[in-house]
Amino acid sequence: MDSKWRNRAEFVTGREQIVPFLRRKWDRELEYRLIKELWAFTDNRIAVRFAYEWHDDSGHWFRSFGNEMWQFDETGLMAVRHACINDMPIHESDRKFFWALGARPEDHPGPSSFGF
């Protein structure tokens, strides 16, 4: 079964659409810093809450936050992804996530700590 994703108002199906979708996303959302926490899980489904900060190529900063629901197939691959995301413009001085690009540090607070 091809993976089916909904991201904001965009619907993509299968690797041939998901890979270019992710490339567009990562080309637009620069210096991406993500925090995520598990909300619920059962069997082959997971729900997470998240927030991330990024800027566009004009230097405008945003904090994006929301929820994602994932369903996995019998081999462990993502079969379904629903992402509800809100983008909020912020000033660079309002940023909260300051670590070197890469994985979030283990001791960095999750979304609940910030009230997102």
PDB file of N, CA and C in Angstrom:
ATOM      1  N   MET A   1       0.843  -1.190   0.000  1.00  0.00           N
ATOM      2  CA  MET A   1       0.000   0.000   0.000  1.00  0.00           C
ATOM      3  C   MET A   1       0.882   1.246   0.000  1.00  0.00           C
ATOM      4  N   ASP A   2       0.575   2.203  -0.855  1.00  0.00           N
ATOM      5  CA  ASP A   2       1.297   3.477  -0.865  1.00  0.00           C
ATOM      6  C   ASP A   2       0.938   4.283   0.371  1.00  0.00           C
ATOM      7  N   SER A   3       1.910   4.987   0.902  1.00  0.00           N
ATOM      8  CA  SER A   3       1.675   5.878   2.028  1.00  0.00           C
ATOM      9  C   SER A   3       0.827   7.062   1.565  1.00  0.00           C
ATOM     10  N   LYS A   4      -0.130   7.464   2.406  1.00  0.00           N
ATOM     11  CA  LYS A   4      -0.996   8.610   2.101  1.00  0.00           C
ATOM     12  C   LYS A   4      -0.797   9.654   3.186  1.00  0.00           C
ATOM     13  N   TRP A   5      -0.500  10.865   2.758  1.00  0.00           N
ATOM     14  CA  TRP A   5      -0.239  11.950   3.697  1.00  0.00           C
ATOM     15  C   TRP A   5      -1.190  13.110   3.445  1.00  0.00           C
ATOM     16  N   ARG A   6      -1.575  13.765   4.548  1.00  0.00           N
ATOM     17  CA  ARG A   6      -2.210  15.077   4.476  1.00  0.00           C
ATOM     18  C   ARG A   6      -1.357  15.996   5.322  1.00  0.00           C
ATOM     19  N   ASN A   7      -0.877  17.064   4.722  1.00  0.00           N
ATOM     20  CA  ASN A   7      -0.058  18.056   5.401  1.00  0.00           C
ATOM     21  C   ASN A   7      -0.669  19.427   5.128  1.00  0.00           C
ATOM     22  N   ARG A   8      -1.232  20.048   6.150  1.00  0.00           N
ATOM     23  CA  ARG A   8      -2.005  21.264   5.969  1.00  0.00           C
ATOM     24  C   ARG A   8      -3.115  20.941   4.961  1.00  0.00           C
ATOM     25  N   ALA A   9      -3.159  21.630   3.837  1.00  0.00           N
ATOM     26  CA  ALA A   9      -4.208  21.364   2.830  1.00  0.00           C
ATOM     27  C   ALA A   9      -3.659  20.612   1.626  1.00  0.00           C
ATOM     28  N   GLU A  10      -2.481  20.017   1.782  1.00  0.00           N
ATOM     29  CA  GLU A  10      -1.862  19.284   0.673  1.00  0.00           C
ATOM     30  C   GLU A  10      -1.996  17.783   0.911  1.00  0.00           C
ATOM     31  N   PHE A  11      -2.395  17.068  -0.128  1.00  0.00           N
ATOM     32  CA  PHE A  11      -2.567  15.622  -0.061  1.00  0.00           C
ATOM     33  C   PHE A  11      -1.570  14.976  -1.010  1.00  0.00           C
ATOM     34  N   VAL A  12      -0.748  14.063  -0.500  1.00  0.00           N
ATOM     35  CA  VAL A  12       0.236  13.375  -1.325  1.00  0.00           C
ATOM     36  C   VAL A  12       0.124  11.877  -1.088  1.00  0.00           C
ATOM     37  N   THR A  13       0.387  11.109  -2.134  1.00  0.00           N
ATOM     38  CA  THR A  13       0.287   9.656  -2.047  1.00  0.00           C
ATOM     39  C   THR A  13       1.510   9.029  -2.694  1.00  0.00           C
ATOM     40  N   GLY A  14       2.142   8.137  -1.967  1.00  0.00           N
ATOM     41  CA  GLY A  14       3.256   7.371  -2.498  1.00  0.00           C
ATOM     42  C   GLY A  14       4.571   8.125  -2.477  1.00  0.00           C
ATOM     43  N   ARG A  15       5.648   7.332  -2.465  1.00  0.00           N
ATOM     44  CA  ARG A  15       6.999   7.884  -2.409  1.00  0.00           C
ATOM     45  C   ARG A  15       7.265   8.880  -3.534  1.00  0.00           C
ATOM     46  N   GLU A  16       6.702   8.631  -4.729  1.00  0.00           N
ATOM     47  CA  GLU A  16       6.959   9.521  -5.870  1.00  0.00           C
ATOM     48  C   GLU A  16       6.400  10.924  -5.647  1.00  0.00           C
ATOM     49  N   GLN A  17       5.425  11.094  -4.750  1.00  0.00           N
ATOM     50  CA  GLN A  17       4.911  12.426  -4.394  1.00  0.00           C
ATOM     51  C   GLN A  17       5.476  12.909  -3.057  1.00  0.00           C
ATOM     52  N   ILE A  18       5.741  11.989  -2.133  1.00  0.00           N
ATOM     53  CA  ILE A  18       6.211  12.370  -0.793  1.00  0.00           C
ATOM     54  C   ILE A  18       7.628  12.939  -0.844  1.00  0.00           C
ATOM     55  N   VAL A  19       8.517  12.331  -1.596  1.00  0.00           N
ATOM     56  CA  VAL A  19       9.905  12.811  -1.656  1.00  0.00           C
ATOM     57  C   VAL A  19       9.970  14.249  -2.171  1.00  0.00           C
ATOM     58  N   PRO A  20       9.331  14.586  -3.319  1.00  0.00           N
ATOM     59  CA  PRO A  20       9.365  15.996  -3.758  1.00  0.00           C
ATOM     60  C   PRO A  20       8.658  16.939  -2.776  1.00  0.00           C
ATOM     61  N   PHE A  21       7.588  16.467  -2.138  1.00  0.00           N
ATOM     62  CA  PHE A  21       6.912  17.278  -1.122  1.00  0.00           C
ATOM     63  C   PHE A  21       7.898  17.648  -0.017  1.00  0.00           C
ATOM     64  N   LEU A  22       8.639  16.665   0.501  1.00  0.00           N
ATOM     65  CA  LEU A  22       9.597  16.934   1.577  1.00  0.00           C
ATOM     66  C   LEU A  22      10.726  17.846   1.103  1.00  0.00           C
ATOM     67  N   ARG A  23      11.182  17.661  -0.112  1.00  0.00           N
ATOM     68  CA  ARG A  23      12.221  18.555  -0.638  1.00  0.00           C
ATOM     69  C   ARG A  23      11.730  19.999  -0.684  1.00  0.00           C
ATOM     70  N   ARG A  24      10.497  20.225  -1.165  1.00  0.00           N
ATOM     71  CA  ARG A  24       9.921  21.591  -1.200  1.00  0.00           C
ATOM     72  C   ARG A  24       9.821  22.158   0.210  1.00  0.00           C
ATOM     73  N   LYS A  25       9.341  21.337   1.132  1.00  0.00           N
ATOM     74  CA  LYS A  25       9.178  21.773   2.528  1.00  0.00           C
ATOM     75  C   LYS A  25      10.528  22.193   3.109  1.00  0.00           C
ATOM     76  N   TRP A  26      11.543  21.364   2.942  1.00  0.00           N
ATOM     77  CA  TRP A  26      12.846  21.651   3.535  1.00  0.00           C
ATOM     78  C   TRP A  26      13.584  22.756   2.796  1.00  0.00           C
ATOM     79  N   ASP A  27      13.273  22.990   1.540  1.00  0.00           N
ATOM     80  CA  ASP A  27      13.851  24.129   0.819  1.00  0.00           C
ATOM     81  C   ASP A  27      13.252  25.438   1.306  1.00  0.00           C
ATOM     82  N   ARG A  28      12.013  25.396   1.783  1.00  0.00           N
ATOM     83  CA  ARG A  28      11.313  26.594   2.243  1.00  0.00           C
ATOM     84  C   ARG A  28      11.554  26.866   3.722  1.00  0.00           C
ATOM     85  N   GLU A  29      11.549  25.820   4.543  1.00  0.00           N
ATOM     86  CA  GLU A  29      11.639  25.957   6.003  1.00  0.00           C
ATOM     87  C   GLU A  29      13.094  25.779   6.433  1.00  0.00           C
ATOM     88  N   LEU A  30      13.812  26.909   6.529  1.00  0.00           N
ATOM     89  CA  LEU A  30      15.250  26.895   6.788  1.00  0.00           C
ATOM     90  C   LEU A  30      15.547  26.966   8.285  1.00  0.00           C
ATOM     91  N   GLU A  31      16.677  26.402   8.673  1.00  0.00           N
ATOM     92  CA  GLU A  31      17.139  26.374  10.075  1.00  0.00           C
ATOM     93  C   GLU A  31      16.070  25.805  11.003  1.00  0.00           C
ATOM     94  N   TYR A  32      15.459  24.755  10.572  1.00  0.00           N
ATOM     95  CA  TYR A  32      14.344  24.047  11.200  1.00  0.00           C
ATOM     96  C   TYR A  32      14.775  23.444  12.537  1.00  0.00           C
ATOM     97  N   ARG A  33      14.086  23.801  13.630  1.00  0.00           N
ATOM     98  CA  ARG A  33      14.319  23.224  14.968  1.00  0.00           C
ATOM     99  C   ARG A  33      12.978  22.692  15.453  1.00  0.00           C
ATOM    100  N   LEU A  34      12.912  21.409  15.775  1.00  0.00           N
ATOM    101  CA  LEU A  34      11.658  20.715  16.080  1.00  0.00           C
ATOM    102  C   LEU A  34      11.665  20.155  17.492  1.00  0.00           C
ATOM    103  N   ILE A  35      10.539  20.351  18.200  1.00  0.00           N
ATOM    104  CA  ILE A  35      10.289  19.626  19.449  1.00  0.00           C
ATOM    105  C   ILE A  35       8.984  18.858  19.262  1.00  0.00           C
ATOM    106  N   LYS A  36       8.957  17.649  19.802  1.00  0.00           N
ATOM    107  CA  LYS A  36       7.810  16.766  19.584  1.00  0.00           C
ATOM    108  C   LYS A  36       7.604  15.957  20.846  1.00  0.00           C
ATOM    109  N   GLU A  37       6.344  15.616  21.142  1.00  0.00           N
ATOM    110  CA  GLU A  37       6.085  14.723  22.271  1.00  0.00           C
ATOM    111  C   GLU A  37       4.947  13.774  21.923  1.00  0.00           C
ATOM    112  N   LEU A  38       5.062  12.566  22.456  1.00  0.00           N
ATOM    113  CA  LEU A  38       4.049  11.557  22.236  1.00  0.00           C
ATOM    114  C   LEU A  38       2.764  11.962  22.943  1.00  0.00           C
ATOM    115  N   TRP A  39       1.655  11.907  22.238  1.00  0.00           N
ATOM    116  CA  TRP A  39       0.350  12.250  22.802  1.00  0.00           C
ATOM    117  C   TRP A  39      -0.400  10.984  23.177  1.00  0.00           C
ATOM    118  N   ALA A  40      -0.433  10.013  22.261  1.00  0.00           N
ATOM    119  CA  ALA A  40      -1.124   8.746  22.512  1.00  0.00           C
ATOM    120  C   ALA A  40      -0.636   7.706  21.516  1.00  0.00           C
ATOM    121  N   PHE A  41      -0.829   6.433  21.856  1.00  0.00           N
ATOM    122  CA  PHE A  41      -0.499   5.370  20.914  1.00  0.00           C
ATOM    123  C   PHE A  41      -1.319   4.131  21.229  1.00  0.00           C
ATOM    124  N   THR A  42      -1.537   3.343  20.208  1.00  0.00           N
ATOM    125  CA  THR A  42      -2.200   2.056  20.338  1.00  0.00           C
ATOM    126  C   THR A  42      -1.899   1.237  19.094  1.00  0.00           C
ATOM    127  N   ASP A  43      -1.681  -0.038  19.269  1.00  0.00           N
ATOM    128  CA  ASP A  43      -1.419  -0.935  18.140  1.00  0.00           C
ATOM    129  C   ASP A  43      -0.446  -0.295  17.149  1.00  0.00           C
ATOM    130  N   ASN A  44      -0.917   0.038  15.952  1.00  0.00           N
ATOM    131  CA  ASN A  44      -0.041   0.576  14.900  1.00  0.00           C
ATOM    132  C   ASN A  44      -0.275   2.065  14.651  1.00  0.00           C
ATOM    133  N   ARG A  45      -0.800   2.779  15.658  1.00  0.00           N
ATOM    134  CA  ARG A  45      -1.076   4.207  15.495  1.00  0.00           C
ATOM    135  C   ARG A  45      -0.434   5.017  16.614  1.00  0.00           C
ATOM    136  N   ILE A  46       0.033   6.209  16.216  1.00  0.00           N
ATOM    137  CA  ILE A  46       0.671   7.136  17.159  1.00  0.00           C
ATOM    138  C   ILE A  46       0.130   8.533  16.888  1.00  0.00           C
ATOM    139  N   ALA A  47      -0.089   9.297  17.947  1.00  0.00           N
ATOM    140  CA  ALA A  47      -0.420  10.717  17.824  1.00  0.00           C
ATOM    141  C   ALA A  47       0.651  11.506  18.579  1.00  0.00           C
ATOM    142  N   VAL A  48       1.140  12.575  17.952  1.00  0.00           N
ATOM    143  CA  VAL A  48       2.156  13.417  18.576  1.00  0.00           C
ATOM    144  C   VAL A  48       1.730  14.878  18.508  1.00  0.00           C
ATOM    145  N   ARG A  49       2.259  15.659  19.454  1.00  0.00           N
ATOM    146  CA  ARG A  49       2.137  17.113  19.434  1.00  0.00           C
ATOM    147  C   ARG A  49       3.518  17.648  19.097  1.00  0.00           C
ATOM    148  N   PHE A  50       3.572  18.779  18.413  1.00  0.00           N
ATOM    149  CA  PHE A  50       4.884  19.289  18.022  1.00  0.00           C
ATOM    150  C   PHE A  50       4.853  20.800  17.901  1.00  0.00           C
ATOM    151  N   ALA A  51       6.046  21.357  17.902  1.00  0.00           N
ATOM    152  CA  ALA A  51       6.267  22.764  17.548  1.00  0.00           C
ATOM    153  C   ALA A  51       7.633  22.829  16.894  1.00  0.00           C
ATOM    154  N   TYR A  52       7.761  23.703  15.907  1.00  0.00           N
ATOM    155  CA  TYR A  52       9.078  23.923  15.324  1.00  0.00           C
ATOM    156  C   TYR A  52       9.209  25.365  14.883  1.00  0.00           C
ATOM    157  N   GLU A  53      10.449  25.822  14.845  1.00  0.00           N
ATOM    158  CA  GLU A  53      10.752  27.181  14.404  1.00  0.00           C
ATOM    159  C   GLU A  53      11.627  27.103  13.166  1.00  0.00           C
ATOM    160  N   TRP A  54      11.422  28.070  12.276  1.00  0.00           N
ATOM    161  CA  TRP A  54      12.144  28.093  11.010  1.00  0.00           C
ATOM    162  C   TRP A  54      12.037  29.488  10.419  1.00  0.00           C
ATOM    163  N   HIS A  55      12.848  29.751   9.398  1.00  0.00           N
ATOM    164  CA  HIS A  55      12.685  31.004   8.670  1.00  0.00           C
ATOM    165  C   HIS A  55      12.671  30.707   7.181  1.00  0.00           C
ATOM    166  N   ASP A  56      12.073  31.626   6.431  1.00  0.00           N
ATOM    167  CA  ASP A  56      12.040  31.486   4.968  1.00  0.00           C
ATOM    168  C   ASP A  56      13.283  32.150   4.377  1.00  0.00           C
ATOM    169  N   ASP A  57      13.391  32.134   3.060  1.00  0.00           N
ATOM    170  CA  ASP A  57      14.586  32.691   2.419  1.00  0.00           C
ATOM    171  C   ASP A  57      14.653  34.214   2.481  1.00  0.00           C
ATOM    172  N   SER A  58      13.589  34.848   2.981  1.00  0.00           N
ATOM    173  CA  SER A  58      13.607  36.303   3.199  1.00  0.00           C
ATOM    174  C   SER A  58      13.999  36.658   4.628  1.00  0.00           C
ATOM    175  N   GLY A  59      14.229  35.640   5.464  1.00  0.00           N
ATOM    176  CA  GLY A  59      14.612  35.878   6.850  1.00  0.00           C
ATOM    177  C   GLY A  59      13.447  36.042   7.808  1.00  0.00           C
ATOM    178  N   HIS A  60      12.207  35.818   7.349  1.00  0.00           N
ATOM    179  CA  HIS A  60      11.041  35.897   8.228  1.00  0.00           C
ATOM    180  C   HIS A  60      10.931  34.615   9.042  1.00  0.00           C
ATOM    181  N   TRP A  61      10.798  34.768  10.356  1.00  0.00           N
ATOM    182  CA  TRP A  61      10.734  33.618  11.266  1.00  0.00           C
ATOM    183  C   TRP A  61       9.285  33.213  11.528  1.00  0.00           C
ATOM    184  N   PHE A  62       9.106  31.926  11.785  1.00  0.00           N
ATOM    185  CA  PHE A  62       7.790  31.348  12.079  1.00  0.00           C
ATOM    186  C   PHE A  62       7.936  30.297  13.168  1.00  0.00           C
ATOM    187  N   ARG A  63       6.872  30.146  13.942  1.00  0.00           N
ATOM    188  CA  ARG A  63       6.733  28.987  14.816  1.00  0.00           C
ATOM    189  C   ARG A  63       5.520  28.226  14.294  1.00  0.00           C
ATOM    190  N   SER A  64       5.723  26.984  13.968  1.00  0.00           N
ATOM    191  CA  SER A  64       4.652  26.119  13.478  1.00  0.00           C
ATOM    192  C   SER A  64       4.372  25.101  14.563  1.00  0.00           C
ATOM    193  N   PHE A  65       3.098  24.847  14.817  1.00  0.00           N
ATOM    194  CA  PHE A  65       2.757  23.884  15.860  1.00  0.00           C
ATOM    195  C   PHE A  65       1.476  23.167  15.491  1.00  0.00           C
ATOM    196  N   GLY A  66       1.291  22.006  16.082  1.00  0.00           N
ATOM    197  CA  GLY A  66       0.091  21.241  15.777  1.00  0.00           C
ATOM    198  C   GLY A  66       0.178  19.808  16.244  1.00  0.00           C
ATOM    199  N   ASN A  67      -0.550  18.965  15.531  1.00  0.00           N
ATOM    200  CA  ASN A  67      -0.667  17.549  15.874  1.00  0.00           C
ATOM    201  C   ASN A  67      -0.458  16.718  14.615  1.00  0.00           C
ATOM    202  N   GLU A  68       0.092  15.529  14.810  1.00  0.00           N
ATOM    203  CA  GLU A  68       0.226  14.572  13.712  1.00  0.00           C
ATOM    204  C   GLU A  68      -0.302  13.228  14.192  1.00  0.00           C
ATOM    205  N   MET A  69      -0.933  12.524  13.293  1.00  0.00           N
ATOM    206  CA  MET A  69      -1.372  11.160  13.567  1.00  0.00           C
ATOM    207  C   MET A  69      -0.749  10.271  12.505  1.00  0.00           C
ATOM    208  N   TRP A  70      -0.127   9.192  12.944  1.00  0.00           N
ATOM    209  CA  TRP A  70       0.556   8.274  12.035  1.00  0.00           C
ATOM    210  C   TRP A  70      -0.023   6.882  12.188  1.00  0.00           C
ATOM    211  N   GLN A  71      -0.119   6.182  11.084  1.00  0.00           N
ATOM    212  CA  GLN A  71      -0.498   4.761  11.094  1.00  0.00           C
ATOM    213  C   GLN A  71       0.571   4.003  10.314  1.00  0.00           C
ATOM    214  N   PHE A  72       1.018   2.867  10.852  1.00  0.00           N
ATOM    215  CA  PHE A  72       2.093   2.090  10.254  1.00  0.00           C
ATOM    216  C   PHE A  72       1.563   0.773   9.700  1.00  0.00           C
ATOM    217  N   ASP A  73       2.198   0.310   8.627  1.00  0.00           N
ATOM    218  CA  ASP A  73       1.785  -0.976   8.060  1.00  0.00           C
ATOM    219  C   ASP A  73       2.470  -2.116   8.812  1.00  0.00           C
ATOM    220  N   GLU A  74       2.235  -3.342   8.388  1.00  0.00           N
ATOM    221  CA  GLU A  74       2.759  -4.523   9.082  1.00  0.00           C
ATOM    222  C   GLU A  74       4.280  -4.625   9.027  1.00  0.00           C
ATOM    223  N   THR A  75       4.925  -3.890   8.118  1.00  0.00           N
ATOM    224  CA  THR A  75       6.391  -3.902   8.048  1.00  0.00           C
ATOM    225  C   THR A  75       7.007  -2.746   8.830  1.00  0.00           C
ATOM    226  N   GLY A  76       6.181  -1.886   9.421  1.00  0.00           N
ATOM    227  CA  GLY A  76       6.674  -0.752  10.194  1.00  0.00           C
ATOM    228  C   GLY A  76       6.815   0.533   9.407  1.00  0.00           C
ATOM    229  N   LEU A  77       6.454   0.521   8.119  1.00  0.00           N
ATOM    230  CA  LEU A  77       6.508   1.741   7.319  1.00  0.00           C
ATOM    231  C   LEU A  77       5.261   2.584   7.540  1.00  0.00           C
ATOM    232  N   MET A  78       5.412   3.902   7.435  1.00  0.00           N
ATOM    233  CA  MET A  78       4.275   4.795   7.618  1.00  0.00           C
ATOM    234  C   MET A  78       3.298   4.626   6.460  1.00  0.00           C
ATOM    235  N   ALA A  79       2.070   4.261   6.788  1.00  0.00           N
ATOM    236  CA  ALA A  79       1.033   4.067   5.766  1.00  0.00           C
ATOM    237  C   ALA A  79       0.150   5.302   5.631  1.00  0.00           C
ATOM    238  N   VAL A  80      -0.095   5.992   6.749  1.00  0.00           N
ATOM    239  CA  VAL A  80      -0.970   7.166   6.750  1.00  0.00           C
ATOM    240  C   VAL A  80      -0.364   8.209   7.679  1.00  0.00           C
ATOM    241  N   ARG A  81      -0.391   9.463   7.236  1.00  0.00           N
ATOM    242  CA  ARG A  81       0.066  10.586   8.070  1.00  0.00           C
ATOM    243  C   ARG A  81      -0.908  11.731   7.880  1.00  0.00           C
ATOM    244  N   HIS A  82      -1.482  12.203   8.988  1.00  0.00           N
ATOM    245  CA  HIS A  82      -2.345  13.385   8.982  1.00  0.00           C
ATOM    246  C   HIS A  82      -1.646  14.443   9.835  1.00  0.00           C
ATOM    247  N   ALA A  83      -1.368  15.596   9.254  1.00  0.00           N
ATOM    248  CA  ALA A  83      -0.707  16.674   9.985  1.00  0.00           C
ATOM    249  C   ALA A  83      -1.589  17.915   9.970  1.00  0.00           C
ATOM    250  N   CYS A  84      -1.921  18.390  11.143  1.00  0.00           N
ATOM    251  CA  CYS A  84      -2.650  19.655  11.311  1.00  0.00           C
ATOM    252  C   CYS A  84      -1.640  20.655  11.850  1.00  0.00           C
ATOM    253  N   ILE A  85      -1.339  21.688  11.059  1.00  0.00           N
ATOM    254  CA  ILE A  85      -0.239  22.593  11.389  1.00  0.00           C
ATOM    255  C   ILE A  85      -0.712  24.043  11.307  1.00  0.00           C
ATOM    256  N   ASN A  86      -0.359  24.818  12.323  1.00  0.00           N
ATOM    257  CA  ASN A  86      -0.618  26.256  12.346  1.00  0.00           C
ATOM    258  C   ASN A  86       0.721  26.974  12.283  1.00  0.00           C
ATOM    259  N   ASP A  87       0.834  27.963  11.415  1.00  0.00           N
ATOM    260  CA  ASP A  87       2.056  28.749  11.276  1.00  0.00           C
ATOM    261  C   ASP A  87       1.833  30.135  11.863  1.00  0.00           C
ATOM    262  N   MET A  88       2.706  30.529  12.781  1.00  0.00           N
ATOM    263  CA  MET A  88       2.585  31.828  13.430  1.00  0.00           C
ATOM    264  C   MET A  88       3.856  32.625  13.155  1.00  0.00           C
ATOM    265  N   PRO A  89       3.742  33.774  12.502  1.00  0.00           N
ATOM    266  CA  PRO A  89       4.933  34.619  12.316  1.00  0.00           C
ATOM    267  C   PRO A  89       5.459  35.076  13.673  1.00  0.00           C
ATOM    268  N   ILE A  90       6.771  35.054  13.845  1.00  0.00           N
ATOM    269  CA  ILE A  90       7.395  35.532  15.081  1.00  0.00           C
ATOM    270  C   ILE A  90       8.587  36.413  14.708  1.00  0.00           C
ATOM    271  N   HIS A  91       9.007  37.225  15.661  1.00  0.00           N
ATOM    272  CA  HIS A  91      10.253  37.970  15.507  1.00  0.00           C
ATOM    273  C   HIS A  91      11.398  37.040  15.898  1.00  0.00           C
ATOM    274  N   GLU A  92      12.540  37.242  15.291  1.00  0.00           N
ATOM    275  CA  GLU A  92      13.687  36.404  15.634  1.00  0.00           C
ATOM    276  C   GLU A  92      13.957  36.439  17.140  1.00  0.00           C
ATOM    277  N   SER A  93      13.711  37.579  17.770  1.00  0.00           N
ATOM    278  CA  SER A  93      13.933  37.713  19.216  1.00  0.00           C
ATOM    279  C   SER A  93      12.945  36.875  20.042  1.00  0.00           C
ATOM    280  N   ASP A  94      11.858  36.394  19.431  1.00  0.00           N
ATOM    281  CA  ASP A  94      10.869  35.561  20.136  1.00  0.00           C
ATOM    282  C   ASP A  94      11.164  34.068  20.031  1.00  0.00           C
ATOM    283  N   ARG A  95      12.241  33.707  19.351  1.00  0.00           N
ATOM    284  CA  ARG A  95      12.583  32.283  19.220  1.00  0.00           C
ATOM    285  C   ARG A  95      12.814  31.647  20.583  1.00  0.00           C
ATOM    286  N   LYS A  96      12.492  30.352  20.677  1.00  0.00           N
ATOM    287  CA  LYS A  96      12.676  29.606  21.914  1.00  0.00           C
ATOM    288  C   LYS A  96      13.588  28.388  21.747  1.00  0.00           C
ATOM    289  N   PHE A  97      13.897  28.014  20.521  1.00  0.00           N
ATOM    290  CA  PHE A  97      14.652  26.786  20.263  1.00  0.00           C
ATOM    291  C   PHE A  97      16.031  27.152  19.723  1.00  0.00           C
ATOM    292  N   PHE A  98      17.041  27.029  20.573  1.00  0.00           N
ATOM    293  CA  PHE A  98      18.405  27.444  20.222  1.00  0.00           C
ATOM    294  C   PHE A  98      19.387  26.306  20.451  1.00  0.00           C
ATOM    295  N   TRP A  99      19.563  25.471  19.482  1.00  0.00           N
ATOM    296  CA  TRP A  99      20.619  24.467  19.532  1.00  0.00           C
ATOM    297  C   TRP A  99      21.194  24.342  18.134  1.00  0.00           C
ATOM    298  N   ALA A 100      22.366  23.750  18.038  1.00  0.00           N
ATOM    299  CA  ALA A 100      22.974  23.555  16.724  1.00  0.00           C
ATOM    300  C   ALA A 100      22.031  22.720  15.869  1.00  0.00           C
ATOM    301  N   LEU A 101      22.042  22.957  14.566  1.00  0.00           N
ATOM    302  CA  LEU A 101      21.195  22.170  13.674  1.00  0.00           C
ATOM    303  C   LEU A 101      21.417  20.690  13.921  1.00  0.00           C
ATOM    304  N   GLY A 102      20.349  19.941  13.878  1.00  0.00           N
ATOM    305  CA  GLY A 102      20.392  18.510  14.151  1.00  0.00           C
ATOM    306  C   GLY A 102      19.346  18.153  15.183  1.00  0.00           C
ATOM    307  N   ALA A 103      19.547  17.032  15.820  1.00  0.00           N
ATOM    308  CA  ALA A 103      18.570  16.516  16.790  1.00  0.00           C
ATOM    309  C   ALA A 103      18.429  17.454  17.987  1.00  0.00           C
ATOM    310  N   ARG A 104      17.210  17.518  18.494  1.00  0.00           N
ATOM    311  CA  ARG A 104      16.946  18.294  19.709  1.00  0.00           C
ATOM    312  C   ARG A 104      17.710  17.667  20.867  1.00  0.00           C
ATOM    313  N   PRO A 105      18.347  18.472  21.708  1.00  0.00           N
ATOM    314  CA  PRO A 105      19.032  17.908  22.878  1.00  0.00           C
ATOM    315  C   PRO A 105      18.047  17.163  23.779  1.00  0.00           C
ATOM    316  N   GLU A 106      18.482  16.066  24.351  1.00  0.00           N
ATOM    317  CA  GLU A 106      17.620  15.208  25.186  1.00  0.00           C
ATOM    318  C   GLU A 106      16.980  15.970  26.337  1.00  0.00           C
ATOM    319  N   ASP A 107      17.670  16.964  26.884  1.00  0.00           N
ATOM    320  CA  ASP A 107      17.146  17.674  28.050  1.00  0.00           C
ATOM    321  C   ASP A 107      16.318  18.917  27.688  1.00  0.00           C
ATOM    322  N   HIS A 108      16.080  19.150  26.387  1.00  0.00           N
ATOM    323  CA  HIS A 108      15.301  20.319  25.987  1.00  0.00           C
ATOM    324  C   HIS A 108      13.811  20.053  26.251  1.00  0.00           C
ATOM    325  N   PRO A 109      13.086  21.009  26.829  1.00  0.00           N
ATOM    326  CA  PRO A 109      11.666  20.812  27.135  1.00  0.00           C
ATOM    327  C   PRO A 109      10.838  20.544  25.877  1.00  0.00           C
ATOM    328  N   GLY A 110       9.743  19.812  26.051  1.00  0.00           N
ATOM    329  CA  GLY A 110       8.812  19.521  24.970  1.00  0.00           C
ATOM    330  C   GLY A 110       7.734  20.577  24.836  1.00  0.00           C
ATOM    331  N   PRO A 111       6.791  20.395  23.912  1.00  0.00           N
ATOM    332  CA  PRO A 111       5.753  21.385  23.654  1.00  0.00           C
ATOM    333  C   PRO A 111       4.925  21.771  24.878  1.00  0.00           C
ATOM    334  N   SER A 112       4.609  20.814  25.751  1.00  0.00           N
ATOM    335  CA  SER A 112       3.778  21.132  26.930  1.00  0.00           C
ATOM    336  C   SER A 112       4.453  22.144  27.838  1.00  0.00           C
ATOM    337  N   SER A 113       5.778  22.108  27.900  1.00  0.00           N
ATOM    338  CA  SER A 113       6.527  23.033  28.766  1.00  0.00           C
ATOM    339  C   SER A 113       6.370  24.474  28.305  1.00  0.00           C
ATOM    340  N   PHE A 114       6.086  24.678  27.026  1.00  0.00           N
ATOM    341  CA  PHE A 114       5.924  26.016  26.469  1.00  0.00           C
ATOM    342  C   PHE A 114       4.469  26.438  26.357  1.00  0.00           C
ATOM    343  N   GLY A 115       3.553  25.523  26.651  1.00  0.00           N
ATOM    344  CA  GLY A 115       2.129  25.853  26.537  1.00  0.00           C
ATOM    345  C   GLY A 115       1.588  25.804  25.111  1.00  0.00           C
ATOM    346  N   PHE A 116       2.280  25.117  24.230  1.00  0.00           N
ATOM    347  CA  PHE A 116       1.823  25.011  22.838  1.00  0.00           C
ATOM    348  C   PHE A 116       0.736  23.963  22.726  1.00  0.00           C
TER     349      PHE A 116
END
